[in-house]
Amino acid sequence: MKKKILYSVFIFAMLSSFLLADGRFITADTLPAKAKTFLSTYFPKIDIVHAEQDRDSYEVNLKNGVEVEFMKNGEWESVDGKYQAIPTGFIPSAVLNAVKKAYPKASIIKVDKDWGGFDIELDNRMELKVAANGTIHEAEYDD
């Protein structure tokens, strides 16, 4: 009998971890406070059409097509405009200034946090790796 109970608990734990690893749908009100503040600040009045929680992150799809990924604590990790310009107020000014100086007519359509910097995609098909201090380390054309 003990073996059956332990086996059942083990199976339940394994299934639960698989479900969380693959993500589960959540409502917007269950997002971390930082994520809610980010969305209301930079994407006001744009409805959330899909929100999902994984083991250590959240993914939110907005009605305008933008996809935002958050870390477990609610800090943004990635903002993907899906080929449309995104707001930039959350990007550090040193990074934003470097991008604007190098590509003054381009708009940022995607930004990902990376170790010590950011991966940025522009609407002119340039992909940049920019350090937190604003130094552009790599720029390549995405053909």
C-alpha atoms as a PDB file:
ATOM      1  CA  MET A   1       0.000   0.000   0.000  1.00  0.00           C
ATOM      2  CA  LYS A   2       2.851   2.391   0.861  1.00  0.00           C
ATOM      3  CA  LYS A   3       4.450   1.690  -2.504  1.00  0.00           C
ATOM      4  CA  LYS A   4       1.236   2.581  -4.339  1.00  0.00           C
ATOM      5  CA  ILE A   5       0.911   5.868  -2.456  1.00  0.00           C
ATOM      6  CA  LEU A   6       4.551   6.806  -3.067  1.00  0.00           C
ATOM      7  CA  TYR A   7       4.222   5.814  -6.699  1.00  0.00           C
ATOM      8  CA  SER A   8       1.063   7.929  -7.065  1.00  0.00           C
ATOM      9  CA  VAL A   9       2.737  10.942  -5.443  1.00  0.00           C
ATOM     10  CA  PHE A  10       5.756  10.518  -7.719  1.00  0.00           C
ATOM     11  CA  ILE A  11       3.583  10.330 -10.851  1.00  0.00           C
ATOM     12  CA  PHE A  12       1.587  13.396  -9.773  1.00  0.00           C
ATOM     13  CA  ALA A  13       4.784  15.369  -9.125  1.00  0.00           C
ATOM     14  CA  MET A  14       6.228  14.417 -12.501  1.00  0.00           C
ATOM     15  CA  LEU A  15       3.047  15.349 -14.363  1.00  0.00           C
ATOM     16  CA  SER A  16       2.850  18.667 -12.531  1.00  0.00           C
ATOM     17  CA  SER A  17       6.433  19.552 -13.417  1.00  0.00           C
ATOM     18  CA  PHE A  18       5.831  18.695 -17.076  1.00  0.00           C
ATOM     19  CA  LEU A  19       2.736  20.876 -17.163  1.00  0.00           C
ATOM     20  CA  LEU A  20       4.596  23.830 -15.652  1.00  0.00           C
ATOM     21  CA  ALA A  21       7.577  23.318 -17.933  1.00  0.00           C
ATOM     22  CA  ASP A  22       5.345  23.511 -21.017  1.00  0.00           C
ATOM     23  CA  GLY A  23       3.521  26.533 -19.670  1.00  0.00           C
ATOM     24  CA  ARG A  24      -0.003  27.099 -18.558  1.00  0.00           C
ATOM     25  CA  PHE A  25      -2.493  29.767 -19.430  1.00  0.00           C
ATOM     26  CA  ILE A  26      -3.015  32.432 -16.794  1.00  0.00           C
ATOM     27  CA  THR A  27      -5.124  35.540 -16.425  1.00  0.00           C
ATOM     28  CA  ALA A  28      -3.560  38.986 -16.633  1.00  0.00           C
ATOM     29  CA  ASP A  29      -4.266  39.693 -12.974  1.00  0.00           C
ATOM     30  CA  THR A  30      -1.962  36.823 -11.927  1.00  0.00           C
ATOM     31  CA  LEU A  31       1.095  38.401 -13.563  1.00  0.00           C
ATOM     32  CA  PRO A  32       3.751  39.770 -11.175  1.00  0.00           C
ATOM     33  CA  ALA A  33       3.304  43.412 -10.159  1.00  0.00           C
ATOM     34  CA  LYS A  34       6.401  44.527 -12.126  1.00  0.00           C
ATOM     35  CA  ALA A  35       5.026  42.946 -15.294  1.00  0.00           C
ATOM     36  CA  LYS A  36       1.630  44.614 -14.835  1.00  0.00           C
ATOM     37  CA  THR A  37       3.306  47.990 -14.260  1.00  0.00           C
ATOM     38  CA  PHE A  38       5.501  47.522 -17.355  1.00  0.00           C
ATOM     39  CA  LEU A  39       2.500  46.707 -19.526  1.00  0.00           C
ATOM     40  CA  SER A  40       0.360  49.566 -18.227  1.00  0.00           C
ATOM     41  CA  THR A  41       3.255  52.032 -18.628  1.00  0.00           C
ATOM     42  CA  TYR A  42       4.506  51.096 -22.099  1.00  0.00           C
ATOM     43  CA  PHE A  43       1.423  49.484 -23.630  1.00  0.00           C
ATOM     44  CA  PRO A  44      -1.507  51.357 -22.061  1.00  0.00           C
ATOM     45  CA  LYS A  45      -4.981  50.437 -23.230  1.00  0.00           C
ATOM     46  CA  ILE A  46      -3.712  47.471 -25.281  1.00  0.00           C
ATOM     47  CA  ASP A  47      -5.488  44.314 -24.229  1.00  0.00           C
ATOM     48  CA  ILE A  48      -3.733  41.080 -23.349  1.00  0.00           C
ATOM     49  CA  VAL A  49      -5.008  38.291 -25.586  1.00  0.00           C
ATOM     50  CA  HIS A  50      -2.836  35.509 -24.180  1.00  0.00           C
ATOM     51  CA  ALA A  51      -0.730  35.074 -21.059  1.00  0.00           C
ATOM     52  CA  GLU A  52       1.271  31.988 -20.171  1.00  0.00           C
ATOM     53  CA  GLN A  53       3.435  31.036 -17.212  1.00  0.00           C
ATOM     54  CA  ASP A  54       6.368  28.663 -17.473  1.00  0.00           C
ATOM     55  CA  ARG A  55       8.501  27.463 -14.604  1.00  0.00           C
ATOM     56  CA  ASP A  56      10.691  30.589 -14.591  1.00  0.00           C
ATOM     57  CA  SER A  57       9.065  33.063 -16.977  1.00  0.00           C
ATOM     58  CA  TYR A  58       5.906  34.623 -18.349  1.00  0.00           C
ATOM     59  CA  GLU A  59       4.904  35.242 -21.938  1.00  0.00           C
ATOM     60  CA  VAL A  60       2.270  37.822 -22.837  1.00  0.00           C
ATOM     61  CA  ASN A  61       0.757  38.448 -26.268  1.00  0.00           C
ATOM     62  CA  LEU A  62      -0.978  41.774 -26.788  1.00  0.00           C
ATOM     63  CA  LYS A  63      -3.863  42.594 -29.108  1.00  0.00           C
ATOM     64  CA  ASN A  64      -1.590  44.678 -31.359  1.00  0.00           C
ATOM     65  CA  GLY A  65       0.631  41.617 -31.991  1.00  0.00           C
ATOM     66  CA  VAL A  66       3.454  42.538 -29.612  1.00  0.00           C
ATOM     67  CA  GLU A  67       4.903  39.703 -27.535  1.00  0.00           C
ATOM     68  CA  VAL A  68       6.535  40.456 -24.182  1.00  0.00           C
ATOM     69  CA  GLU A  69       8.481  37.954 -22.094  1.00  0.00           C
ATOM     70  CA  PHE A  70       9.091  38.491 -18.400  1.00  0.00           C
ATOM     71  CA  MET A  71      11.359  36.797 -15.899  1.00  0.00           C
ATOM     72  CA  LYS A  72       9.835  35.111 -12.885  1.00  0.00           C
ATOM     73  CA  ASN A  73      10.177  38.320 -10.819  1.00  0.00           C
ATOM     74  CA  GLY A  74       8.264  40.328 -13.445  1.00  0.00           C
ATOM     75  CA  GLU A  75      11.205  42.157 -15.065  1.00  0.00           C
ATOM     76  CA  TRP A  76      11.005  42.323 -18.834  1.00  0.00           C
ATOM     77  CA  GLU A  77      13.286  40.016 -20.755  1.00  0.00           C
ATOM     78  CA  SER A  78      12.194  40.460 -24.346  1.00  0.00           C
ATOM     79  CA  VAL A  79       9.834  42.695 -26.324  1.00  0.00           C
ATOM     80  CA  ASP A  80       9.032  41.650 -29.884  1.00  0.00           C
ATOM     81  CA  GLY A  81       6.947  44.011 -32.002  1.00  0.00           C
ATOM     82  CA  LYS A  82       6.585  41.424 -34.758  1.00  0.00           C
ATOM     83  CA  TYR A  83       8.007  43.839 -37.349  1.00  0.00           C
ATOM     84  CA  GLN A  84       6.362  46.956 -35.919  1.00  0.00           C
ATOM     85  CA  ALA A  85       8.072  49.678 -33.879  1.00  0.00           C
ATOM     86  CA  ILE A  86       7.962  49.192 -30.111  1.00  0.00           C
ATOM     87  CA  PRO A  87       8.089  51.772 -27.308  1.00  0.00           C
ATOM     88  CA  THR A  88      11.637  52.385 -26.127  1.00  0.00           C
ATOM     89  CA  GLY A  89      11.269  54.096 -22.747  1.00  0.00           C
ATOM     90  CA  PHE A  90      12.337  50.959 -20.892  1.00  0.00           C
ATOM     91  CA  ILE A  91      15.627  50.614 -22.792  1.00  0.00           C
ATOM     92  CA  PRO A  92      18.576  52.221 -20.950  1.00  0.00           C
ATOM     93  CA  SER A  93      19.341  55.664 -22.350  1.00  0.00           C
ATOM     94  CA  ALA A  94      22.981  54.819 -23.172  1.00  0.00           C
ATOM     95  CA  VAL A  95      21.824  51.932 -25.356  1.00  0.00           C
ATOM     96  CA  LEU A  96      19.005  53.884 -26.952  1.00  0.00           C
ATOM     97  CA  ASN A  97      21.253  56.874 -27.691  1.00  0.00           C
ATOM     98  CA  ALA A  98      23.883  54.659 -29.347  1.00  0.00           C
ATOM     99  CA  VAL A  99      21.282  53.024 -31.580  1.00  0.00           C
ATOM    100  CA  LYS A 100      19.688  56.364 -32.514  1.00  0.00           C
ATOM    101  CA  LYS A 101      23.104  57.858 -33.287  1.00  0.00           C
ATOM    102  CA  ALA A 102      24.163  54.942 -35.496  1.00  0.00           C
ATOM    103  CA  TYR A 103      20.752  54.464 -37.176  1.00  0.00           C
ATOM    104  CA  PRO A 104      18.794  57.715 -36.797  1.00  0.00           C
ATOM    105  CA  LYS A 105      16.003  56.792 -39.208  1.00  0.00           C
ATOM    106  CA  ALA A 106      15.445  53.247 -37.942  1.00  0.00           C
ATOM    107  CA  SER A 107      12.928  52.044 -35.377  1.00  0.00           C
ATOM    108  CA  ILE A 108      13.503  49.284 -32.866  1.00  0.00           C
ATOM    109  CA  ILE A 109      11.193  46.331 -33.532  1.00  0.00           C
ATOM    110  CA  LYS A 110      12.644  43.821 -31.064  1.00  0.00           C
ATOM    111  CA  VAL A 111      14.874  43.903 -27.994  1.00  0.00           C
ATOM    112  CA  ASP A 112      16.188  41.060 -25.848  1.00  0.00           C
ATOM    113  CA  LYS A 113      18.232  41.318 -22.687  1.00  0.00           C
ATOM    114  CA  ASP A 114      21.526  39.505 -23.010  1.00  0.00           C
ATOM    115  CA  TRP A 115      24.499  39.040 -20.698  1.00  0.00           C
ATOM    116  CA  GLY A 116      25.838  42.553 -20.132  1.00  0.00           C
ATOM    117  CA  GLY A 117      23.787  44.090 -22.909  1.00  0.00           C
ATOM    118  CA  PHE A 118      20.995  43.826 -25.423  1.00  0.00           C
ATOM    119  CA  ASP A 119      20.210  42.198 -28.754  1.00  0.00           C
ATOM    120  CA  ILE A 120      18.280  44.686 -30.862  1.00  0.00           C
ATOM    121  CA  GLU A 121      16.537  44.337 -34.219  1.00  0.00           C
ATOM    122  CA  LEU A 122      15.699  47.386 -36.308  1.00  0.00           C
ATOM    123  CA  ASP A 123      13.092  47.897 -39.017  1.00  0.00           C
ATOM    124  CA  ASN A 124      15.906  48.372 -41.559  1.00  0.00           C
ATOM    125  CA  ARG A 125      16.847  44.693 -40.970  1.00  0.00           C
ATOM    126  CA  MET A 126      19.945  45.491 -38.924  1.00  0.00           C
ATOM    127  CA  GLU A 127      20.653  43.281 -35.912  1.00  0.00           C
ATOM    128  CA  LEU A 128      22.792  44.798 -33.160  1.00  0.00           C
ATOM    129  CA  LYS A 129      24.533  43.602 -30.040  1.00  0.00           C
ATOM    130  CA  VAL A 130      24.818  46.584 -27.708  1.00  0.00           C
ATOM    131  CA  ALA A 131      26.560  46.653 -24.330  1.00  0.00           C
ATOM    132  CA  ALA A 132      24.754  48.211 -21.368  1.00  0.00           C
ATOM    133  CA  ASN A 133      27.105  51.200 -21.633  1.00  0.00           C
ATOM    134  CA  GLY A 134      25.973  51.875 -25.221  1.00  0.00           C
ATOM    135  CA  THR A 135      28.893  50.356 -27.117  1.00  0.00           C
ATOM    136  CA  ILE A 136      27.732  48.603 -30.275  1.00  0.00           C
ATOM    137  CA  HIS A 137      29.759  45.395 -30.438  1.00  0.00           C
ATOM    138  CA  GLU A 138      28.196  43.874 -33.493  1.00  0.00           C
ATOM    139  CA  ALA A 139      25.997  45.037 -36.332  1.00  0.00           C
ATOM    140  CA  GLU A 140      24.911  42.824 -39.148  1.00  0.00           C
ATOM    141  CA  TYR A 141      22.348  42.986 -41.896  1.00  0.00           C
ATOM    142  CA  ASP A 142      19.720  40.234 -41.704  1.00  0.00           C
ATOM    143  CA  ASP A 143      19.206  39.156 -45.271  1.00  0.00           C
END
